[in-house]
Every structure is written in structure tokens, then in C-alpha cells.
């Protein structure tokens, strides 16, 4: 499974730092793989709409674009803060996985 994600917008947005990042989930430790799998299941990720409706006051919120490619299927979701706790946890796990040691 490969997951690409990017965050844009928000009050302190710097376009140069907002490049998409990709995580090959198979390279992560088993616990992190399971956490990501569980979060994708609990959010019913492949059933989410491609774009969530805009929220009031969203001009200052961040927008997160997440693409999951798994077993021949692909789905992209664009969501704006505030996120569900599960999607927020997923994004945090992905950020942690792409940070340099």
C-alpha cells in the first residue's frame, strides 16, 4: 500500500514546504502498518467522498489531500480542518513516517 498526502493552506502556509509526501506502508514496522490499516478501516476511507463540503470560516483552515493506492484500487480524499480524530491520527502517523531520523 502506498499513501500520498499533502497539506496546504492555513494561517502559516509556506508553499515550498507543502510538497506531497509518499509513504510505502509495507516498509513501516508491523505496529504502524496495523495502526494505519485500522484507521483506514474505521474512517471507511474508500467510501469517503472525494471532497468534503467546505466549512464555514475555512479560509484559515488547512486542507489535507490523501491518496491511498492498495491492491489495484485508488482513492483520493480532500478534507479541511477540523478533522475527525481518526483522520487527524492518520495524518500524524504519515507525517511521522516521512520525517528524517
N, C-alpha and C. Protein backbone atom coordinates (compact mmCIF):
# COMPACT_ATOMS: atom_id res chain seq x y z
N UNK A 1 0.85 -1.17 0.00
CA UNK A 1 0.00 0.00 0.00
C UNK A 1 0.89 1.23 0.00
N UNK A 2 0.50 2.19 -0.82
CA UNK A 2 1.19 3.48 -0.86
C UNK A 2 0.19 4.58 -0.56
N UNK A 3 0.63 5.53 0.25
CA UNK A 3 -0.22 6.66 0.61
C UNK A 3 0.55 7.94 0.32
N UNK A 4 -0.07 8.82 -0.46
CA UNK A 4 0.50 10.13 -0.74
C UNK A 4 -0.40 11.14 -0.05
N UNK A 5 0.23 12.12 0.60
CA UNK A 5 -0.57 13.15 1.28
C UNK A 5 0.14 14.49 1.19
N UNK A 6 -0.66 15.52 1.27
CA UNK A 6 -0.12 16.88 1.32
C UNK A 6 -1.08 17.75 2.10
N UNK A 7 -0.53 18.78 2.70
CA UNK A 7 -1.31 19.74 3.46
C UNK A 7 -1.06 21.11 2.86
N UNK A 8 -2.12 21.86 2.66
CA UNK A 8 -1.98 23.20 2.11
C UNK A 8 -2.91 24.15 2.85
N UNK A 9 -2.64 25.43 2.67
CA UNK A 9 -3.48 26.45 3.29
C UNK A 9 -3.18 26.66 4.75
N UNK A 10 -4.05 27.39 5.39
CA UNK A 10 -3.87 27.69 6.79
C UNK A 10 -3.17 29.02 6.99
N UNK A 11 -3.12 29.46 8.21
CA UNK A 11 -2.54 30.77 8.53
C UNK A 11 -1.05 30.82 8.24
N UNK A 12 -0.31 29.78 8.59
CA UNK A 12 1.14 29.77 8.43
C UNK A 12 1.55 28.87 7.27
N UNK A 13 0.93 29.04 6.13
CA UNK A 13 1.18 28.19 4.96
C UNK A 13 2.40 28.67 4.19
N UNK A 14 3.33 27.75 3.92
CA UNK A 14 4.50 28.02 3.12
C UNK A 14 4.51 27.04 1.95
N UNK A 15 4.19 27.52 0.73
CA UNK A 15 4.07 26.61 -0.41
C UNK A 15 5.29 25.72 -0.63
N UNK A 16 6.48 26.22 -0.38
CA UNK A 16 7.69 25.44 -0.59
C UNK A 16 7.80 24.25 0.34
N UNK A 17 7.11 24.29 1.46
CA UNK A 17 7.15 23.19 2.42
C UNK A 17 5.97 22.24 2.28
N UNK A 18 5.10 22.50 1.32
CA UNK A 18 3.86 21.73 1.19
C UNK A 18 3.91 20.68 0.09
N UNK A 19 5.09 20.25 -0.29
CA UNK A 19 5.20 19.24 -1.34
C UNK A 19 4.55 17.93 -0.88
N UNK A 20 3.91 17.22 -1.79
CA UNK A 20 3.31 15.92 -1.42
C UNK A 20 4.39 14.96 -0.93
N UNK A 21 4.00 14.11 0.01
CA UNK A 21 4.90 13.09 0.55
C UNK A 21 4.24 11.73 0.36
N UNK A 22 5.07 10.73 0.10
CA UNK A 22 4.56 9.38 -0.13
C UNK A 22 5.14 8.41 0.89
N UNK A 23 4.28 7.55 1.39
CA UNK A 23 4.68 6.53 2.36
C UNK A 23 4.37 5.17 1.74
N UNK A 24 5.40 4.32 1.68
CA UNK A 24 5.19 2.92 1.31
C UNK A 24 4.95 2.20 2.63
N UNK A 25 3.70 1.89 2.90
CA UNK A 25 3.31 1.35 4.20
C UNK A 25 4.02 0.02 4.49
N UNK A 26 4.34 -0.74 3.46
CA UNK A 26 5.00 -2.03 3.67
C UNK A 26 6.39 -1.90 4.27
N UNK A 27 6.98 -0.70 4.22
CA UNK A 27 8.32 -0.50 4.78
C UNK A 27 8.27 -0.11 6.26
N UNK A 28 7.08 0.11 6.79
CA UNK A 28 6.94 0.51 8.19
C UNK A 28 6.90 -0.71 9.09
N UNK A 29 7.15 -0.50 10.38
CA UNK A 29 7.07 -1.62 11.31
C UNK A 29 5.63 -2.13 11.39
N UNK A 30 5.49 -3.37 11.85
CA UNK A 30 4.18 -4.04 11.85
C UNK A 30 3.13 -3.28 12.66
N UNK A 31 3.53 -2.69 13.78
CA UNK A 31 2.58 -1.95 14.61
C UNK A 31 2.02 -0.73 13.87
N UNK A 32 2.92 0.01 13.22
CA UNK A 32 2.47 1.21 12.48
C UNK A 32 1.62 0.81 11.28
N UNK A 33 1.98 -0.28 10.60
CA UNK A 33 1.17 -0.77 9.48
C UNK A 33 -0.25 -1.07 9.96
N UNK A 34 -0.35 -1.74 11.10
CA UNK A 34 -1.66 -2.10 11.64
C UNK A 34 -2.45 -0.86 12.04
N UNK A 35 -1.79 0.12 12.64
CA UNK A 35 -2.47 1.35 13.03
C UNK A 35 -3.06 2.05 11.81
N UNK A 36 -2.27 2.13 10.74
CA UNK A 36 -2.75 2.78 9.51
C UNK A 36 -3.91 1.99 8.92
N UNK A 37 -3.77 0.68 8.86
CA UNK A 37 -4.85 -0.17 8.34
C UNK A 37 -6.13 0.01 9.16
N UNK A 38 -5.99 0.05 10.49
CA UNK A 38 -7.16 0.23 11.37
C UNK A 38 -7.82 1.59 11.14
N UNK A 39 -7.02 2.63 10.97
CA UNK A 39 -7.57 3.97 10.74
C UNK A 39 -8.27 4.07 9.39
N UNK A 40 -7.70 3.44 8.38
CA UNK A 40 -8.37 3.43 7.07
C UNK A 40 -9.70 2.71 7.15
N UNK A 41 -9.74 1.63 7.92
CA UNK A 41 -10.99 0.88 8.10
C UNK A 41 -12.01 1.67 8.90
N UNK A 42 -11.58 2.25 10.02
CA UNK A 42 -12.53 2.97 10.89
C UNK A 42 -13.10 4.22 10.22
N UNK A 43 -12.33 4.84 9.33
CA UNK A 43 -12.85 6.02 8.61
C UNK A 43 -13.63 5.62 7.36
N UNK A 44 -13.58 4.31 7.04
CA UNK A 44 -14.18 3.83 5.79
C UNK A 44 -13.66 4.67 4.62
N UNK A 45 -12.33 4.78 4.59
CA UNK A 45 -11.64 5.70 3.68
C UNK A 45 -12.11 5.56 2.23
N UNK A 46 -12.21 4.34 1.74
CA UNK A 46 -12.57 4.15 0.33
C UNK A 46 -14.03 4.49 0.03
N UNK A 47 -14.80 4.76 1.06
CA UNK A 47 -16.20 5.18 0.89
C UNK A 47 -16.39 6.69 1.10
N UNK A 48 -15.35 7.38 1.55
CA UNK A 48 -15.46 8.82 1.77
C UNK A 48 -15.61 9.55 0.44
N UNK A 49 -16.33 10.68 0.42
CA UNK A 49 -16.41 11.46 -0.81
C UNK A 49 -15.05 12.04 -1.16
N UNK A 50 -14.81 12.27 -2.43
CA UNK A 50 -13.52 12.80 -2.88
C UNK A 50 -13.23 14.17 -2.28
N UNK A 51 -14.26 14.94 -2.07
CA UNK A 51 -14.07 16.27 -1.48
C UNK A 51 -15.17 16.51 -0.47
N UNK A 52 -14.75 16.81 0.75
CA UNK A 52 -15.71 17.12 1.81
C UNK A 52 -16.27 18.52 1.56
N UNK A 53 -17.51 18.77 1.94
CA UNK A 53 -18.08 20.11 1.77
C UNK A 53 -17.26 21.15 2.52
N UNK A 54 -17.18 22.36 1.95
CA UNK A 54 -16.44 23.46 2.60
C UNK A 54 -17.10 23.80 3.92
N UNK A 55 -16.27 24.17 4.88
CA UNK A 55 -16.76 24.52 6.20
C UNK A 55 -16.74 26.03 6.38
N UNK A 56 -17.62 26.51 7.19
CA UNK A 56 -17.68 27.94 7.48
C UNK A 56 -16.37 28.40 8.10
N UNK A 57 -15.81 29.50 7.59
CA UNK A 57 -14.55 30.02 8.10
C UNK A 57 -13.35 29.23 7.64
N UNK A 58 -13.49 28.44 6.58
CA UNK A 58 -12.44 27.53 6.15
C UNK A 58 -11.23 28.23 5.53
N UNK A 59 -11.29 29.53 5.30
CA UNK A 59 -10.17 30.23 4.68
C UNK A 59 -8.89 30.11 5.50
N UNK A 60 -9.00 30.00 6.81
CA UNK A 60 -7.83 29.88 7.67
C UNK A 60 -7.49 28.44 8.03
N UNK A 61 -8.26 27.49 7.56
CA UNK A 61 -8.03 26.09 7.88
C UNK A 61 -7.06 25.47 6.89
N UNK A 62 -6.46 24.37 7.28
CA UNK A 62 -5.62 23.62 6.37
C UNK A 62 -6.46 22.61 5.61
N UNK A 63 -6.04 22.33 4.38
CA UNK A 63 -6.68 21.31 3.55
C UNK A 63 -5.70 20.17 3.39
N UNK A 64 -6.19 18.95 3.58
CA UNK A 64 -5.36 17.76 3.50
C UNK A 64 -5.86 16.90 2.35
N UNK A 65 -4.95 16.52 1.47
CA UNK A 65 -5.27 15.64 0.34
C UNK A 65 -4.54 14.33 0.58
N UNK A 66 -5.31 13.24 0.63
CA UNK A 66 -4.76 11.92 0.93
C UNK A 66 -5.16 10.97 -0.21
N UNK A 67 -4.17 10.30 -0.78
CA UNK A 67 -4.43 9.30 -1.82
C UNK A 67 -3.89 7.96 -1.34
N UNK A 68 -4.76 6.96 -1.35
CA UNK A 68 -4.36 5.61 -0.95
C UNK A 68 -4.46 4.71 -2.17
N UNK A 69 -3.36 3.99 -2.44
CA UNK A 69 -3.33 3.01 -3.52
C UNK A 69 -3.08 1.66 -2.86
N UNK A 70 -4.06 0.76 -3.04
CA UNK A 70 -3.97 -0.55 -2.39
C UNK A 70 -4.63 -1.60 -3.27
N UNK A 71 -3.89 -2.66 -3.56
CA UNK A 71 -4.43 -3.81 -4.29
C UNK A 71 -5.26 -3.42 -5.51
N UNK A 72 -4.69 -2.59 -6.35
CA UNK A 72 -5.35 -2.23 -7.59
C UNK A 72 -6.45 -1.19 -7.49
N UNK A 73 -6.69 -0.68 -6.31
CA UNK A 73 -7.68 0.40 -6.19
C UNK A 73 -7.01 1.64 -5.65
N UNK A 74 -7.57 2.77 -6.02
CA UNK A 74 -7.02 4.07 -5.62
C UNK A 74 -8.16 5.00 -5.27
N UNK A 75 -7.96 5.78 -4.21
CA UNK A 75 -8.98 6.75 -3.82
C UNK A 75 -8.29 7.97 -3.23
N UNK A 76 -8.76 9.15 -3.62
CA UNK A 76 -8.22 10.41 -3.12
C UNK A 76 -9.32 11.15 -2.39
N UNK A 77 -8.97 11.67 -1.22
CA UNK A 77 -9.90 12.43 -0.40
C UNK A 77 -9.27 13.77 -0.05
N UNK A 78 -10.05 14.82 -0.17
CA UNK A 78 -9.60 16.16 0.23
C UNK A 78 -10.51 16.62 1.36
N UNK A 79 -9.91 16.88 2.52
CA UNK A 79 -10.68 17.30 3.70
C UNK A 79 -10.06 18.57 4.28
N UNK A 80 -10.90 19.34 4.95
CA UNK A 80 -10.48 20.59 5.56
C UNK A 80 -10.65 20.48 7.07
N UNK A 81 -9.73 21.11 7.79
CA UNK A 81 -9.85 21.16 9.26
C UNK A 81 -11.20 21.71 9.65
N UNK A 82 -11.72 21.39 10.79
CA UNK A 82 -11.22 20.38 11.72
C UNK A 82 -11.54 18.98 11.22
N UNK A 83 -10.62 18.07 11.49
CA UNK A 83 -10.74 16.70 11.02
C UNK A 83 -11.36 15.80 12.08
N UNK A 84 -11.84 14.66 11.62
CA UNK A 84 -12.27 13.65 12.58
C UNK A 84 -11.01 13.19 13.32
N UNK A 85 -11.16 12.70 14.54
CA UNK A 85 -9.98 12.22 15.28
C UNK A 85 -9.21 11.12 14.53
N UNK A 86 -9.92 10.26 13.81
CA UNK A 86 -9.26 9.18 13.09
C UNK A 86 -8.42 9.71 11.92
N UNK A 87 -8.98 10.66 11.15
CA UNK A 87 -8.21 11.23 10.03
C UNK A 87 -7.03 12.05 10.54
N UNK A 88 -7.22 12.75 11.64
CA UNK A 88 -6.11 13.51 12.22
C UNK A 88 -4.99 12.57 12.66
N UNK A 89 -5.35 11.45 13.27
CA UNK A 89 -4.36 10.47 13.71
C UNK A 89 -3.64 9.86 12.50
N UNK A 90 -4.38 9.58 11.43
CA UNK A 90 -3.77 9.04 10.21
C UNK A 90 -2.74 10.01 9.65
N UNK A 91 -3.10 11.28 9.54
CA UNK A 91 -2.17 12.28 9.01
C UNK A 91 -0.94 12.40 9.90
N UNK A 92 -1.14 12.37 11.21
CA UNK A 92 0.01 12.44 12.12
C UNK A 92 0.93 11.24 11.97
N UNK A 93 0.36 10.04 11.81
CA UNK A 93 1.19 8.85 11.58
C UNK A 93 1.97 8.97 10.28
N UNK A 94 1.33 9.47 9.23
CA UNK A 94 2.01 9.63 7.95
C UNK A 94 3.11 10.67 8.05
N UNK A 95 2.86 11.77 8.73
CA UNK A 95 3.91 12.79 8.93
C UNK A 95 5.11 12.19 9.66
N UNK A 96 4.82 11.45 10.73
CA UNK A 96 5.91 10.83 11.49
C UNK A 96 6.73 9.88 10.60
N UNK A 97 6.05 9.16 9.74
CA UNK A 97 6.73 8.18 8.87
C UNK A 97 7.62 8.85 7.83
N UNK A 98 7.36 10.12 7.50
CA UNK A 98 8.16 10.79 6.47
C UNK A 98 9.21 11.74 7.05
N UNK A 99 9.24 11.86 8.36
CA UNK A 99 10.27 12.72 8.97
C UNK A 99 11.61 12.02 8.90
N UNK A 100 12.65 12.81 8.67
CA UNK A 100 14.01 12.27 8.65
C UNK A 100 14.42 11.87 10.05
N UNK A 101 15.18 10.78 10.19
CA UNK A 101 15.61 10.34 11.53
C UNK A 101 16.57 11.30 12.18
